[in-house]
Amino acid sequence: MTGRSERVVLALGSNLGDRTATLADAVHDLAGLAGATLIGISPVYESAAVKLDGVDETAPQYLNAVLTIDYSGDPYTLLDAVNAIEAEHGRVRAERWGDRTLDIDLIVFGELRIDDDRLTLPHPRAAERDFVLAPWLDVDPGAAIPGRGVVRDLLAATGNTVRRAPDTAALASTLGTRE
């Protein structure tokens, strides 16, 4: 990448520990990255844990948010920074799609398309995940996933089981969003 900024969408989730504080700290960390300018933060949503075998109703619920940044760097540099932020917040990669203190996914990076061993953009399952699409729609009502479609239409096709967190106003103010 050159010095040109790209609009990046990041999805955050947490279902272990102090979920609200973890999300707020992660947003702060992401906004402070070199080359990043924070553009928008969604309200917080709550969702069931999705595991390899499907929804796990016995696992702790996730808090989810989406944030958009303008980023003037390489997508792999951003991925490394995201992985470091996850680790700083206690993320352990013991089980694929397991419970976690913090999960940060790169959803889109401008119009860029990548599919290699380290990174797939746009995110390969974002179009099916209401816990990504619903908060993203709040941040950008005209959003689209390159090659997949308009977020509003994709969300409608999911069945949309997520809901705004019960104390959305308190969580939103913690994350710096506006209601």
C-alpha atoms as a PDB file:
ATOM      1  CA  MET A   1       0.000   0.000   0.000  1.00  0.00           C
ATOM      2  CA  THR A   2       1.056   3.545  -0.498  1.00  0.00           C
ATOM      3  CA  GLY A   3       0.267   6.452   1.797  1.00  0.00           C
ATOM      4  CA  ARG A   4      -3.311   6.402   0.503  1.00  0.00           C
ATOM      5  CA  SER A   5      -5.964   5.624   3.114  1.00  0.00           C
ATOM      6  CA  GLU A   6      -8.440   2.796   2.731  1.00  0.00           C
ATOM      7  CA  ARG A   7     -11.718   2.452   4.604  1.00  0.00           C
ATOM      8  CA  VAL A   8     -11.443  -0.590   6.853  1.00  0.00           C
ATOM      9  CA  VAL A   9     -14.248  -2.315   8.731  1.00  0.00           C
ATOM     10  CA  LEU A  10     -13.315  -4.227  11.880  1.00  0.00           C
ATOM     11  CA  ALA A  11     -15.666  -6.457  13.869  1.00  0.00           C
ATOM     12  CA  LEU A  12     -15.023  -6.890  17.591  1.00  0.00           C
ATOM     13  CA  GLY A  13     -16.438  -9.494  19.925  1.00  0.00           C
ATOM     14  CA  SER A  14     -15.947 -10.591  23.523  1.00  0.00           C
ATOM     15  CA  ASN A  15     -17.629 -13.268  25.609  1.00  0.00           C
ATOM     16  CA  LEU A  16     -15.204 -13.750  28.507  1.00  0.00           C
ATOM     17  CA  GLY A  17     -14.219 -11.427  31.343  1.00  0.00           C
ATOM     18  CA  ASP A  18     -15.349  -7.814  31.509  1.00  0.00           C
ATOM     19  CA  ARG A  19     -16.691  -7.701  27.969  1.00  0.00           C
ATOM     20  CA  THR A  20     -17.592  -4.018  28.011  1.00  0.00           C
ATOM     21  CA  ALA A  21     -14.209  -2.885  29.298  1.00  0.00           C
ATOM     22  CA  THR A  22     -12.414  -5.163  26.858  1.00  0.00           C
ATOM     23  CA  LEU A  23     -14.300  -3.748  23.873  1.00  0.00           C
ATOM     24  CA  ALA A  24     -13.757  -0.172  25.050  1.00  0.00           C
ATOM     25  CA  ASP A  25     -10.025  -0.777  25.548  1.00  0.00           C
ATOM     26  CA  ALA A  26      -9.734  -2.489  22.166  1.00  0.00           C
ATOM     27  CA  VAL A  27     -11.424   0.439  20.404  1.00  0.00           C
ATOM     28  CA  HIS A  28      -8.994   2.792  22.131  1.00  0.00           C
ATOM     29  CA  ASP A  29      -6.049   0.600  21.075  1.00  0.00           C
ATOM     30  CA  LEU A  30      -7.257   0.367  17.469  1.00  0.00           C
ATOM     31  CA  ALA A  31      -7.881   4.115  17.233  1.00  0.00           C
ATOM     32  CA  GLY A  32      -4.319   4.689  18.438  1.00  0.00           C
ATOM     33  CA  LEU A  33      -2.655   2.599  15.732  1.00  0.00           C
ATOM     34  CA  ALA A  34      -0.191   4.397  13.478  1.00  0.00           C
ATOM     35  CA  GLY A  35      -1.901   5.195  10.209  1.00  0.00           C
ATOM     36  CA  ALA A  36      -5.425   4.755  11.631  1.00  0.00           C
ATOM     37  CA  THR A  37      -8.128   7.403  11.879  1.00  0.00           C
ATOM     38  CA  LEU A  38     -11.284   6.359  13.709  1.00  0.00           C
ATOM     39  CA  ILE A  39     -14.366   7.057  11.584  1.00  0.00           C
ATOM     40  CA  GLY A  40     -17.265   5.329  13.353  1.00  0.00           C
ATOM     41  CA  ILE A  41     -18.233   2.975  16.163  1.00  0.00           C
ATOM     42  CA  SER A  42     -21.471   1.030  16.252  1.00  0.00           C
ATOM     43  CA  PRO A  43     -23.782   0.486  19.176  1.00  0.00           C
ATOM     44  CA  VAL A  44     -23.082  -2.753  21.021  1.00  0.00           C
ATOM     45  CA  TYR A  45     -25.035  -5.906  20.202  1.00  0.00           C
ATOM     46  CA  GLU A  46     -25.361  -9.155  22.085  1.00  0.00           C
ATOM     47  CA  SER A  47     -25.329 -12.538  20.384  1.00  0.00           C
ATOM     48  CA  ALA A  48     -25.107 -16.217  21.122  1.00  0.00           C
ATOM     49  CA  ALA A  49     -21.711 -17.891  20.796  1.00  0.00           C
ATOM     50  CA  VAL A  50     -21.177 -19.538  17.418  1.00  0.00           C
ATOM     51  CA  LYS A  51     -18.917 -22.582  17.506  1.00  0.00           C
ATOM     52  CA  LEU A  52     -17.771 -24.990  14.809  1.00  0.00           C
ATOM     53  CA  ASP A  53     -20.887 -27.108  15.425  1.00  0.00           C
ATOM     54  CA  GLY A  54     -23.249 -24.110  15.376  1.00  0.00           C
ATOM     55  CA  VAL A  55     -24.784 -21.933  18.079  1.00  0.00           C
ATOM     56  CA  ASP A  56     -23.759 -22.877  21.630  1.00  0.00           C
ATOM     57  CA  GLU A  57     -26.535 -21.707  23.962  1.00  0.00           C
ATOM     58  CA  THR A  58     -24.506 -22.858  27.006  1.00  0.00           C
ATOM     59  CA  ALA A  59     -21.541 -20.570  26.244  1.00  0.00           C
ATOM     60  CA  PRO A  60     -21.440 -16.988  27.511  1.00  0.00           C
ATOM     61  CA  GLN A  61     -23.107 -14.445  25.197  1.00  0.00           C
ATOM     62  CA  TYR A  62     -20.924 -12.187  23.068  1.00  0.00           C
ATOM     63  CA  LEU A  63     -20.901  -8.438  23.012  1.00  0.00           C
ATOM     64  CA  ASN A  64     -20.212  -7.269  19.464  1.00  0.00           C
ATOM     65  CA  ALA A  65     -19.380  -3.967  17.843  1.00  0.00           C
ATOM     66  CA  VAL A  66     -18.103  -2.751  14.502  1.00  0.00           C
ATOM     67  CA  LEU A  67     -15.769   0.114  13.942  1.00  0.00           C
ATOM     68  CA  THR A  68     -14.591   1.796  10.800  1.00  0.00           C
ATOM     69  CA  ILE A  69     -11.223   3.390  10.341  1.00  0.00           C
ATOM     70  CA  ASP A  70      -9.339   5.022   7.538  1.00  0.00           C
ATOM     71  CA  TYR A  71      -6.010   3.214   7.413  1.00  0.00           C
ATOM     72  CA  SER A  72      -2.897   4.185   5.474  1.00  0.00           C
ATOM     73  CA  GLY A  73      -0.912   1.010   5.770  1.00  0.00           C
ATOM     74  CA  ASP A  74      -0.585  -2.531   4.584  1.00  0.00           C
ATOM     75  CA  PRO A  75      -3.378  -5.019   5.438  1.00  0.00           C
ATOM     76  CA  TYR A  76      -0.851  -7.498   6.856  1.00  0.00           C
ATOM     77  CA  THR A  77       0.597  -4.831   9.138  1.00  0.00           C
ATOM     78  CA  LEU A  78      -2.917  -4.127  10.366  1.00  0.00           C
ATOM     79  CA  LEU A  79      -3.541  -7.857  10.856  1.00  0.00           C
ATOM     80  CA  ASP A  80      -0.361  -8.127  12.952  1.00  0.00           C
ATOM     81  CA  ALA A  81      -1.457  -5.133  15.049  1.00  0.00           C
ATOM     82  CA  VAL A  82      -4.946  -6.615  15.533  1.00  0.00           C
ATOM     83  CA  ASN A  83      -3.459  -9.951  16.632  1.00  0.00           C
ATOM     84  CA  ALA A  84      -1.171  -8.134  19.100  1.00  0.00           C
ATOM     85  CA  ILE A  85      -4.147  -6.220  20.563  1.00  0.00           C
ATOM     86  CA  GLU A  86      -6.072  -9.487  20.959  1.00  0.00           C
ATOM     87  CA  ALA A  87      -3.084 -11.048  22.761  1.00  0.00           C
ATOM     88  CA  GLU A  88      -2.707  -8.011  25.044  1.00  0.00           C
ATOM     89  CA  HIS A  89      -6.306  -8.576  26.115  1.00  0.00           C
ATOM     90  CA  GLY A  90      -5.777 -12.233  26.963  1.00  0.00           C
ATOM     91  CA  ARG A  91      -6.828 -13.868  23.703  1.00  0.00           C
ATOM     92  CA  VAL A  92      -5.794 -17.517  23.672  1.00  0.00           C
ATOM     93  CA  ARG A  93      -6.026 -19.462  20.418  1.00  0.00           C
ATOM     94  CA  ALA A  94      -6.524 -22.938  21.909  1.00  0.00           C
ATOM     95  CA  GLU A  95      -9.797 -23.816  20.168  1.00  0.00           C
ATOM     96  CA  ARG A  96     -11.017 -22.708  16.746  1.00  0.00           C
ATOM     97  CA  TRP A  97     -14.113 -20.535  17.255  1.00  0.00           C
ATOM     98  CA  GLY A  98     -13.783 -21.006  21.021  1.00  0.00           C
ATOM     99  CA  ASP A  99     -14.792 -18.592  23.750  1.00  0.00           C
ATOM    100  CA  ARG A 100     -12.500 -15.581  23.935  1.00  0.00           C
ATOM    101  CA  THR A 101     -11.754 -12.387  25.764  1.00  0.00           C
ATOM    102  CA  LEU A 102     -11.396 -10.537  22.472  1.00  0.00           C
ATOM    103  CA  ASP A 103     -11.832 -11.296  18.806  1.00  0.00           C
ATOM    104  CA  ILE A 104     -11.106  -8.693  16.130  1.00  0.00           C
ATOM    105  CA  ASP A 105     -11.772  -9.539  12.497  1.00  0.00           C
ATOM    106  CA  LEU A 106     -10.814  -7.523   9.432  1.00  0.00           C
ATOM    107  CA  ILE A 107     -14.046  -7.499   7.431  1.00  0.00           C
ATOM    108  CA  VAL A 108     -13.199  -5.272   4.476  1.00  0.00           C
ATOM    109  CA  PHE A 109     -10.146  -3.255   3.514  1.00  0.00           C
ATOM    110  CA  GLY A 110     -11.391  -0.858   0.864  1.00  0.00           C
ATOM    111  CA  GLU A 111     -12.139  -2.877  -2.261  1.00  0.00           C
ATOM    112  CA  LEU A 112      -9.117  -5.138  -1.707  1.00  0.00           C
ATOM    113  CA  ARG A 113      -9.481  -8.852  -2.300  1.00  0.00           C
ATOM    114  CA  ILE A 114      -6.984 -11.239  -0.719  1.00  0.00           C
ATOM    115  CA  ASP A 115      -7.172 -14.987  -0.230  1.00  0.00           C
ATOM    116  CA  ASP A 116      -4.028 -16.564   1.152  1.00  0.00           C
ATOM    117  CA  ASP A 117      -2.855 -18.541   4.190  1.00  0.00           C
ATOM    118  CA  ARG A 118      -2.844 -15.465   6.466  1.00  0.00           C
ATOM    119  CA  LEU A 119      -5.738 -13.311   5.354  1.00  0.00           C
ATOM    120  CA  THR A 120      -8.959 -13.440   3.380  1.00  0.00           C
ATOM    121  CA  LEU A 121     -10.638 -10.178   2.403  1.00  0.00           C
ATOM    122  CA  PRO A 122     -13.466  -9.524   2.385  1.00  0.00           C
ATOM    123  CA  HIS A 123     -13.944 -11.735   5.433  1.00  0.00           C
ATOM    124  CA  PRO A 124     -15.270 -15.059   4.108  1.00  0.00           C
ATOM    125  CA  ARG A 125     -18.189 -15.398   6.561  1.00  0.00           C
ATOM    126  CA  ALA A 126     -19.108 -11.763   7.255  1.00  0.00           C
ATOM    127  CA  ALA A 127     -22.030 -11.860   4.816  1.00  0.00           C
ATOM    128  CA  GLU A 128     -23.663 -14.584   6.945  1.00  0.00           C
ATOM    129  CA  ARG A 129     -23.052 -13.127  10.408  1.00  0.00           C
ATOM    130  CA  ASP A 130     -25.794 -10.955  11.829  1.00  0.00           C
ATOM    131  CA  PHE A 131     -23.499  -9.986  14.713  1.00  0.00           C
ATOM    132  CA  VAL A 132     -21.265  -8.277  12.137  1.00  0.00           C
ATOM    133  CA  LEU A 133     -23.921  -6.995   9.737  1.00  0.00           C
ATOM    134  CA  ALA A 134     -26.341  -5.408  12.251  1.00  0.00           C
ATOM    135  CA  PRO A 135     -23.772  -3.179  13.970  1.00  0.00           C
ATOM    136  CA  TRP A 136     -22.109  -2.394  10.628  1.00  0.00           C
ATOM    137  CA  LEU A 137     -25.432  -1.207   9.231  1.00  0.00           C
ATOM    138  CA  ASP A 138     -25.696   1.203  12.188  1.00  0.00           C
ATOM    139  CA  VAL A 139     -22.307   2.696  11.323  1.00  0.00           C
ATOM    140  CA  ASP A 140     -22.879   2.822   7.572  1.00  0.00           C
ATOM    141  CA  PRO A 141     -26.453   2.409   6.281  1.00  0.00           C
ATOM    142  CA  GLY A 142     -25.179   2.197   2.688  1.00  0.00           C
ATOM    143  CA  ALA A 143     -22.472  -0.392   3.374  1.00  0.00           C
ATOM    144  CA  ALA A 144     -21.713  -3.222   0.979  1.00  0.00           C
ATOM    145  CA  ILE A 145     -19.343  -6.166   0.994  1.00  0.00           C
ATOM    146  CA  PRO A 146     -17.386  -6.211  -2.257  1.00  0.00           C
ATOM    147  CA  GLY A 147     -18.553  -9.143  -4.343  1.00  0.00           C
ATOM    148  CA  ARG A 148     -21.223 -10.158  -1.803  1.00  0.00           C
ATOM    149  CA  GLY A 149     -23.840  -7.443  -1.744  1.00  0.00           C
ATOM    150  CA  VAL A 150     -25.476  -4.692   0.284  1.00  0.00           C
ATOM    151  CA  VAL A 151     -25.221  -5.169   4.049  1.00  0.00           C
ATOM    152  CA  ARG A 152     -28.921  -4.357   4.586  1.00  0.00           C
ATOM    153  CA  ASP A 153     -29.949  -7.165   2.205  1.00  0.00           C
ATOM    154  CA  LEU A 154     -27.398  -9.597   3.600  1.00  0.00           C
ATOM    155  CA  LEU A 155     -28.646  -8.916   7.142  1.00  0.00           C
ATOM    156  CA  ALA A 156     -32.251  -9.543   6.108  1.00  0.00           C
ATOM    157  CA  ALA A 157     -31.208 -12.937   4.716  1.00  0.00           C
ATOM    158  CA  THR A 158     -29.615 -14.029   8.028  1.00  0.00           C
ATOM    159  CA  GLY A 159     -32.786 -14.094  10.097  1.00  0.00           C
ATOM    160  CA  ASN A 160     -31.136 -11.500  12.365  1.00  0.00           C
ATOM    161  CA  THR A 161     -31.146 -12.954  15.879  1.00  0.00           C
ATOM    162  CA  VAL A 162     -28.837 -10.372  17.460  1.00  0.00           C
ATOM    163  CA  ARG A 163     -30.139  -7.608  19.668  1.00  0.00           C
ATOM    164  CA  ARG A 164     -28.807  -4.390  21.006  1.00  0.00           C
ATOM    165  CA  ALA A 165     -27.228  -4.971  24.374  1.00  0.00           C
ATOM    166  CA  PRO A 166     -29.705  -4.274  27.224  1.00  0.00           C
ATOM    167  CA  ASP A 167     -27.662  -1.359  28.525  1.00  0.00           C
ATOM    168  CA  THR A 168     -26.832  -0.015  25.075  1.00  0.00           C
ATOM    169  CA  ALA A 169     -26.685   3.622  26.174  1.00  0.00           C
ATOM    170  CA  ALA A 170     -24.124   2.910  28.901  1.00  0.00           C
ATOM    171  CA  LEU A 171     -22.091   0.672  26.621  1.00  0.00           C
ATOM    172  CA  ALA A 172     -22.346   3.119  23.750  1.00  0.00           C
ATOM    173  CA  SER A 173     -21.033   5.972  25.883  1.00  0.00           C
ATOM    174  CA  THR A 174     -18.193   3.737  27.081  1.00  0.00           C
ATOM    175  CA  LEU A 175     -17.240   3.096  23.462  1.00  0.00           C
ATOM    176  CA  GLY A 176     -17.752   6.702  22.477  1.00  0.00           C
ATOM    177  CA  THR A 177     -20.742   6.132  20.202  1.00  0.00           C
ATOM    178  CA  ARG A 178     -23.778   8.295  19.876  1.00  0.00           C
ATOM    179  CA  GLU A 179     -27.388   7.138  20.189  1.00  0.00           C
END
